[in-house]
Amino acid sequence: MQKLTTFFLRCSGADLTMLKKCPSETSKYAGIGATIFFTGIFAALSGAYALYTVFDNVWTATVFGILWGLMIFNLDRYIVSSMRKEGKTANELLIAAPRLLLAILISVVIAKPLELKIFEKEIDPELVVMEQQKYSEQEAQVRFRFQGTQDSIKSAIASLRSEIEAKAQKRDDLVRIAREEADGTGGSKKKNLGPIYKVKKADADAAEAELNALTTRNGERIRMYEKSLAANDSMQSQALTTLEQSKLNGPAARMEALSRLTEESSAMAWAHWFIMLLFIAIETAPVFVKLISKKGPYDNLLKVEEHQFIVHEIEELARMNTQAKEKTANYPQHERTFISTRLDAELK
């Protein structure tokens, strides 16, 4: 336990020599160090999982995950160890605000990959739905690309067939009129095969010849269009066959799936926020511990130690200024005044 406590104290960034002089502070800084350490562990796991979804390689993800965890650990350690207790809450809050914002940002970055892992069973089916939707969109785009040509060809074929049908209808009407003239049910109302019938029969025969010629001509054009339509359909089928269903498994796709799930389910939305707040609480805990804790013996010793360096710096500057003034004693008055003023200003 002693070795573990020492390890956590080192994680907190505290000076072990000064902590030995105030053992009552050991538990506090050991707790802070443990929080920083476990935050680094969470960051390493989070980073490793996120990178595994990118590289699909365990060793690569593990190496980069450890590097990410060490970076977050070092950053948290610096944030906490750089804070100083002055006994003035307002000033300490103002100084800690940027550190808290940074801690919140880090917690969000850490929480997201772990959140994706926690909801992995719910995300995987949603990814399948997204893949199908993506494939349907791609299929619709392919069909739309060929649809214009298909519609144009079908419209041309329909126009040619309509022309044949119109000509056939005209031929049928003329044949009917000639027949009615022959049996006396129409036209002159006289049953005969006289001149009037022969004229109407000639019109019907001419219409029949025109229909045959039109059917032959349009039939050739229709067959040509049908070949073009078949070729277009073949190209479309080939494009649909070569269309592959994309496999969505990256971090962005998983975050999109999680976003859709939280929008559809209030339970998922609450769980999402609870996990996020949990990691924010974990990440900001060391900073808040330093803020809410009273100024203790360690803080006093640290202030004295740092003040000694400040005093030493001032003494050294003053000594060097005195030496400089002694060296310039033989300078003209205006030069001595200028140098003395500059040295006094630097000292302040």
Protein backbone atom coordinates (compact mmCIF):
# COMPACT_ATOMS: atom_id res chain seq x y z
CA MET A 1 0.00 0.00 0.00
CA GLN A 2 2.89 2.35 0.74
CA LYS A 3 4.29 1.86 -2.77
CA LEU A 4 0.84 2.38 -4.28
CA THR A 5 0.34 5.55 -2.25
CA THR A 6 3.74 6.86 -3.34
CA PHE A 7 2.86 6.13 -6.95
CA PHE A 8 -0.42 8.06 -6.70
CA LEU A 9 1.37 10.94 -4.98
CA ARG A 10 3.77 11.13 -7.92
CA CYS A 11 0.77 11.07 -10.26
CA SER A 12 -0.66 14.11 -8.45
CA GLY A 13 2.46 16.16 -9.25
CA ALA A 14 3.06 16.97 -5.58
CA ASP A 15 6.57 17.37 -4.14
CA LEU A 16 7.18 14.26 -2.02
CA THR A 17 9.88 15.94 0.06
CA MET A 18 7.50 18.67 1.19
CA LEU A 19 4.63 16.19 1.68
CA LYS A 20 6.74 14.29 4.21
CA LYS A 21 6.74 17.44 6.35
CA CYS A 22 2.92 17.53 6.34
CA PRO A 23 1.62 13.91 6.43
CA SER A 24 -1.98 15.09 6.94
CA GLU A 25 -2.02 16.11 3.25
CA THR A 26 -0.96 12.68 1.98
CA SER A 27 -4.47 11.23 1.63
CA LYS A 28 -5.75 14.25 -0.28
CA TYR A 29 -2.96 14.23 -2.85
CA ALA A 30 -3.02 10.43 -3.14
CA GLY A 31 -6.72 10.69 -4.03
CA ILE A 32 -6.00 13.42 -6.57
CA GLY A 33 -3.21 11.34 -8.10
CA ALA A 34 -5.42 8.24 -8.30
CA THR A 35 -8.11 10.25 -10.13
CA ILE A 36 -5.54 11.58 -12.60
CA PHE A 37 -4.13 8.07 -13.13
CA PHE A 38 -7.52 6.47 -13.81
CA THR A 39 -8.48 9.31 -16.11
CA GLY A 40 -5.36 8.47 -18.12
CA ILE A 41 -6.41 4.80 -18.17
CA PHE A 42 -9.88 5.73 -19.45
CA ALA A 43 -8.28 7.97 -22.07
CA ALA A 44 -6.01 5.13 -23.23
CA LEU A 45 -8.95 2.71 -23.55
CA SER A 46 -11.02 5.34 -25.32
CA GLY A 47 -8.26 6.25 -27.75
CA ALA A 48 -7.41 2.61 -28.47
CA TYR A 49 -11.03 1.74 -29.30
CA ALA A 50 -11.46 4.84 -31.48
CA LEU A 51 -8.28 4.07 -33.42
CA TYR A 52 -9.22 0.40 -33.73
CA THR A 53 -12.36 1.42 -35.61
CA VAL A 54 -10.12 3.44 -37.95
CA PHE A 55 -7.12 1.13 -38.52
CA ASP A 56 -8.75 -2.25 -37.75
CA ASN A 57 -5.45 -3.36 -36.21
CA VAL A 58 -5.11 -4.25 -32.53
CA TRP A 59 -1.41 -3.45 -32.18
CA THR A 60 -1.61 -0.08 -33.91
CA ALA A 61 -4.64 0.88 -31.85
CA THR A 62 -2.93 -0.28 -28.64
CA VAL A 63 0.25 1.73 -29.25
CA PHE A 64 -1.55 4.93 -30.17
CA GLY A 65 -4.06 4.39 -27.36
CA ILE A 66 -1.24 4.21 -24.79
CA LEU A 67 0.35 7.36 -26.23
CA TRP A 68 -3.00 9.15 -26.05
CA GLY A 69 -3.52 8.01 -22.44
CA LEU A 70 -0.04 9.19 -21.43
CA MET A 71 -0.64 12.57 -23.05
CA ILE A 72 -3.96 13.06 -21.22
CA PHE A 73 -2.37 11.85 -17.98
CA ASN A 74 0.49 14.32 -18.32
CA LEU A 75 -1.89 17.15 -19.21
CA ASP A 76 -4.16 16.45 -16.22
CA ARG A 77 -1.15 16.20 -13.94
CA TYR A 78 0.08 19.58 -15.14
CA ILE A 79 -3.37 21.20 -14.76
CA VAL A 80 -3.69 20.09 -11.14
CA SER A 81 -0.08 20.63 -10.06
CA SER A 82 0.02 24.15 -11.53
CA MET A 83 -2.92 25.31 -9.39
CA ARG A 84 -2.05 27.23 -6.23
CA LYS A 85 -4.16 27.70 -3.11
CA GLU A 86 -4.19 31.33 -1.99
CA GLY A 87 -7.21 31.25 0.31
CA LYS A 88 -9.18 33.59 -2.02
CA THR A 89 -12.06 31.65 -3.58
CA ALA A 90 -13.00 34.23 -6.23
CA ASN A 91 -9.43 34.52 -7.53
CA GLU A 92 -8.96 30.76 -7.48
CA LEU A 93 -12.17 30.23 -9.47
CA LEU A 94 -11.06 32.81 -12.03
CA ILE A 95 -7.66 31.15 -12.37
CA ALA A 96 -9.21 27.65 -12.50
CA ALA A 97 -11.84 28.54 -15.14
CA PRO A 98 -9.57 27.86 -18.17
CA ARG A 99 -8.40 24.64 -16.55
CA LEU A 100 -11.99 23.54 -15.96
CA LEU A 101 -12.92 24.28 -19.57
CA LEU A 102 -9.93 22.29 -20.77
CA ALA A 103 -10.86 19.42 -18.42
CA ILE A 104 -14.44 19.42 -19.76
CA LEU A 105 -13.16 19.35 -23.35
CA ILE A 106 -10.85 16.43 -22.54
CA SER A 107 -13.69 14.54 -20.84
CA VAL A 108 -15.94 14.91 -23.89
CA VAL A 109 -13.16 13.61 -26.15
CA ILE A 110 -12.53 10.67 -23.82
CA ALA A 111 -16.20 9.84 -23.27
CA LYS A 112 -17.33 9.62 -26.90
CA PRO A 113 -15.37 6.47 -28.00
CA LEU A 114 -16.21 4.69 -24.74
CA GLU A 115 -19.84 5.65 -25.19
CA LEU A 116 -19.76 4.12 -28.67
CA LYS A 117 -18.39 0.91 -27.17
CA ILE A 118 -21.03 0.86 -24.41
CA PHE A 119 -23.87 1.18 -26.94
CA GLU A 120 -22.21 -1.11 -29.51
CA LYS A 121 -25.06 -3.68 -29.48
CA GLU A 122 -27.61 -0.95 -30.18
CA ILE A 123 -25.43 0.80 -32.77
CA ASP A 124 -24.68 -2.28 -34.92
CA PRO A 125 -28.32 -2.86 -36.05
CA GLU A 126 -28.67 0.86 -36.78
CA LEU A 127 -25.55 0.68 -38.95
CA VAL A 128 -27.21 -2.08 -40.99
CA VAL A 129 -30.23 0.18 -41.53
CA MET A 130 -27.95 3.04 -42.55
CA GLU A 131 -26.09 0.75 -44.99
CA GLN A 132 -29.37 -0.27 -46.59
CA GLN A 133 -30.49 3.34 -46.85
CA LYS A 134 -27.17 4.32 -48.36
CA TYR A 135 -27.42 1.50 -50.90
CA SER A 136 -30.99 2.52 -51.77
CA GLU A 137 -29.82 6.10 -52.35
CA GLN A 138 -26.99 4.92 -54.60
CA GLU A 139 -29.37 2.62 -56.48
CA ALA A 140 -31.83 5.50 -56.97
CA GLN A 141 -29.01 7.68 -58.30
CA VAL A 142 -28.00 5.00 -60.81
CA ARG A 143 -31.60 4.54 -61.96
CA PHE A 144 -32.05 8.31 -62.24
CA ARG A 145 -28.95 8.48 -64.45
CA PHE A 146 -30.52 6.10 -67.00
CA GLN A 147 -34.15 7.14 -66.47
CA GLY A 148 -34.00 10.13 -68.84
CA THR A 149 -32.82 8.01 -71.76
CA GLN A 150 -35.41 5.32 -70.99
CA ASP A 151 -38.26 7.81 -70.86
CA SER A 152 -37.15 9.44 -74.12
CA ILE A 153 -36.96 6.11 -75.97
CA LYS A 154 -40.29 4.87 -74.56
CA SER A 155 -41.93 8.15 -75.52
CA ALA A 156 -40.62 7.83 -79.10
CA ILE A 157 -41.88 4.22 -79.35
CA ALA A 158 -45.27 5.19 -77.96
CA SER A 159 -45.52 8.04 -80.51
CA LEU A 160 -44.75 5.68 -83.42
CA ARG A 161 -47.28 3.10 -82.23
CA SER A 162 -49.87 5.80 -81.70
CA GLU A 163 -49.31 6.94 -85.28
CA ILE A 164 -49.91 3.38 -86.53
CA GLU A 165 -53.04 3.04 -84.39
CA ALA A 166 -54.41 6.34 -85.72
CA LYS A 167 -53.78 5.23 -89.32
CA ALA A 168 -55.39 1.83 -88.59
CA GLN A 169 -58.44 3.57 -87.10
CA LYS A 170 -58.76 5.73 -90.24
CA ARG A 171 -58.48 2.62 -92.44
CA ASP A 172 -61.16 0.83 -90.40
CA ASP A 173 -63.48 3.81 -90.71
CA LEU A 174 -63.07 3.92 -94.51
CA VAL A 175 -63.62 0.14 -94.77
CA ARG A 176 -66.76 0.46 -92.66
CA ILE A 177 -68.05 3.32 -94.82
CA ALA A 178 -67.45 1.30 -98.04
CA ARG A 179 -69.18 -1.75 -96.54
CA GLU A 180 -72.20 0.30 -95.44
CA GLU A 181 -72.41 1.79 -98.95
CA ALA A 182 -72.37 -1.73 -100.41
CA ASP A 183 -75.13 -3.17 -98.16
CA GLY A 184 -77.21 0.04 -98.14
CA THR A 185 -76.96 0.69 -94.43
CA GLY A 186 -75.06 3.96 -94.94
CA GLY A 187 -74.02 6.61 -97.44
CA SER A 188 -76.68 6.77 -100.24
CA LYS A 189 -78.86 4.19 -98.41
CA LYS A 190 -78.98 2.14 -101.65
CA LYS A 191 -77.70 -1.41 -101.77
CA ASN A 192 -75.38 -1.45 -104.78
CA LEU A 193 -71.81 -1.76 -105.92
CA GLY A 194 -71.97 1.32 -108.09
CA PRO A 195 -69.60 4.22 -108.63
CA ILE A 196 -70.03 5.63 -105.12
CA TYR A 197 -69.07 2.31 -103.58
CA LYS A 198 -66.07 2.03 -105.88
CA VAL A 199 -64.83 5.48 -104.80
CA LYS A 200 -65.22 4.63 -101.13
CA LYS A 201 -63.62 1.22 -101.69
CA ALA A 202 -60.67 2.95 -103.40
CA ASP A 203 -60.29 5.26 -100.38
CA ALA A 204 -60.29 2.23 -98.07
CA ASP A 205 -57.73 0.42 -100.22
CA ALA A 206 -55.50 3.54 -100.29
CA ALA A 207 -55.75 3.80 -96.50
CA GLU A 208 -54.81 0.11 -96.24
CA ALA A 209 -51.73 0.69 -98.41
CA GLU A 210 -50.73 3.72 -96.37
CA LEU A 211 -51.20 1.70 -93.16
CA ASN A 212 -48.99 -1.11 -94.48
CA ALA A 213 -46.29 1.33 -95.52
CA LEU A 214 -46.49 3.18 -92.20
CA THR A 215 -46.44 -0.08 -90.23
CA THR A 216 -43.32 -1.22 -92.10
CA ARG A 217 -41.55 2.12 -91.68
CA ASN A 218 -42.48 2.66 -88.05
CA GLY A 219 -41.88 -1.00 -87.23
CA GLU A 220 -38.24 -0.66 -88.27
CA ARG A 221 -37.85 2.48 -86.18
CA ILE A 222 -39.59 0.82 -83.20
CA ARG A 223 -37.23 -2.18 -83.41
CA MET A 224 -34.26 0.21 -83.51
CA TYR A 225 -35.57 2.06 -80.45
CA GLU A 226 -36.25 -1.22 -78.66
CA LYS A 227 -32.63 -2.28 -79.25
CA SER A 228 -31.47 1.04 -77.80
CA LEU A 229 -33.81 0.55 -74.84
CA ALA A 230 -32.50 -2.98 -74.28
CA ALA A 231 -28.91 -1.68 -74.42
CA ASN A 232 -29.77 1.07 -71.93
CA ASP A 233 -31.44 -1.46 -69.62
CA SER A 234 -28.38 -3.70 -69.90
CA MET A 235 -26.07 -0.82 -68.96
CA GLN A 236 -28.30 0.02 -66.02
CA SER A 237 -28.35 -3.59 -64.84
CA GLN A 238 -24.57 -3.76 -65.13
CA ALA A 239 -24.20 -0.54 -63.13
CA LEU A 240 -26.53 -1.89 -60.44
CA THR A 241 -24.63 -5.18 -60.36
CA THR A 242 -21.28 -3.47 -59.88
CA LEU A 243 -22.79 -1.25 -57.19
CA GLU A 244 -21.41 -2.47 -53.86
CA GLN A 245 -23.14 -2.02 -50.54
CA SER A 246 -20.85 0.16 -48.47
CA LYS A 247 -19.77 -1.20 -45.09
CA LEU A 248 -20.33 1.52 -42.49
CA ASN A 249 -18.16 0.85 -39.44
CA GLY A 250 -16.04 3.97 -38.92
CA PRO A 251 -16.18 6.41 -36.00
CA ALA A 252 -18.20 8.98 -37.94
CA ALA A 253 -20.80 6.38 -38.98
CA ARG A 254 -21.07 5.08 -35.42
CA MET A 255 -21.53 8.60 -34.04
CA GLU A 256 -24.22 9.22 -36.66
CA ALA A 257 -25.95 5.98 -35.64
CA LEU A 258 -25.76 6.96 -31.97
CA SER A 259 -27.18 10.39 -32.78
CA ARG A 260 -30.12 8.81 -34.59
CA LEU A 261 -30.75 6.42 -31.71
CA THR A 262 -30.74 9.22 -29.13
CA GLU A 263 -33.22 11.18 -31.27
CA GLU A 264 -35.55 8.18 -31.54
CA SER A 265 -35.27 6.96 -27.92
CA SER A 266 -35.50 9.12 -24.81
CA ALA A 267 -33.89 6.31 -22.77
CA MET A 268 -30.85 6.38 -25.05
CA ALA A 269 -30.74 10.18 -24.81
CA TRP A 270 -30.75 10.08 -21.00
CA ALA A 271 -28.09 7.35 -20.95
CA HIS A 272 -25.97 9.40 -23.35
CA TRP A 273 -26.09 12.45 -21.06
CA PHE A 274 -25.49 10.42 -17.90
CA ILE A 275 -22.32 8.89 -19.38
CA MET A 276 -21.13 12.28 -20.61
CA LEU A 277 -21.73 13.90 -17.21
CA LEU A 278 -20.01 10.98 -15.48
CA PHE A 279 -16.81 11.49 -17.47
CA ILE A 280 -16.98 15.25 -17.00
CA ALA A 281 -17.24 14.67 -13.26
CA ILE A 282 -14.29 12.25 -13.32
CA GLU A 283 -12.10 14.57 -15.40
CA THR A 284 -12.89 17.74 -13.43
CA ALA A 285 -12.74 16.01 -10.03
CA PRO A 286 -9.02 16.75 -9.36
CA VAL A 287 -9.51 20.44 -10.19
CA PHE A 288 -12.61 20.70 -8.00
CA VAL A 289 -10.82 18.90 -5.15
CA LYS A 290 -8.08 21.52 -5.28
CA LEU A 291 -10.70 24.29 -5.39
CA ILE A 292 -12.94 23.13 -2.54
CA SER A 293 -10.12 22.00 -0.25
CA LYS A 294 -8.85 24.44 2.33
CA LYS A 295 -5.39 25.87 2.17
CA GLY A 296 -3.25 23.31 3.99
CA PRO A 297 0.30 22.94 5.30
CA TYR A 298 1.55 21.72 1.93
CA ASP A 299 0.28 24.85 0.21
CA ASN A 300 2.02 27.01 2.83
CA LEU A 301 5.31 25.13 2.42
CA LEU A 302 5.01 25.38 -1.37
CA LYS A 303 4.40 29.11 -1.16
CA VAL A 304 7.43 29.57 1.12
CA GLU A 305 9.58 27.50 -1.23
CA GLU A 306 8.53 29.47 -4.28
CA HIS A 307 8.88 32.76 -2.40
CA GLN A 308 12.48 31.86 -1.60
CA PHE A 309 13.23 31.73 -5.33
CA ILE A 310 11.55 35.10 -5.82
CA VAL A 311 13.59 36.63 -2.98
CA HIS A 312 16.76 35.06 -4.34
CA GLU A 313 16.00 36.49 -7.79
CA ILE A 314 15.46 39.96 -6.37
CA GLU A 315 18.67 39.75 -4.32
CA GLU A 316 20.67 38.66 -7.36
CA LEU A 317 19.22 41.43 -9.49
CA ALA A 318 19.96 43.99 -6.79
CA ARG A 319 23.53 42.74 -6.41
CA MET A 320 24.11 42.86 -10.15
CA ASN A 321 22.63 46.37 -10.30
CA THR A 322 24.95 47.55 -7.53
CA GLN A 323 27.94 46.11 -9.37
CA ALA A 324 26.84 47.78 -12.56
CA LYS A 325 26.50 51.15 -10.83
CA GLU A 326 29.97 50.78 -9.30
CA LYS A 327 31.45 50.04 -12.73
CA THR A 328 29.80 53.14 -14.20
CA ALA A 329 30.84 55.46 -11.36
CA ASN A 330 33.38 57.22 -13.61
CA TYR A 331 30.87 57.73 -16.46
CA PRO A 332 29.47 61.20 -17.17
CA GLN A 333 26.54 62.26 -14.96
CA HIS A 334 23.86 61.95 -17.65
CA GLU A 335 25.00 58.42 -18.59
CA ARG A 336 25.09 57.32 -14.95
CA THR A 337 21.58 58.68 -14.45
CA PHE A 338 20.27 56.89 -17.55
CA ILE A 339 21.86 53.54 -16.59
CA SER A 340 20.69 53.83 -12.97
CA THR A 341 17.12 54.55 -14.08
CA ARG A 342 17.08 51.56 -16.43
CA LEU A 343 18.49 49.23 -13.78
CA ASP A 344 15.99 50.37 -11.15
CA ALA A 345 13.16 49.87 -13.64
CA GLU A 346 14.33 46.33 -14.43
CA LEU A 347 14.51 45.55 -10.72
CA LYS A 348 10.93 46.65 -10.21
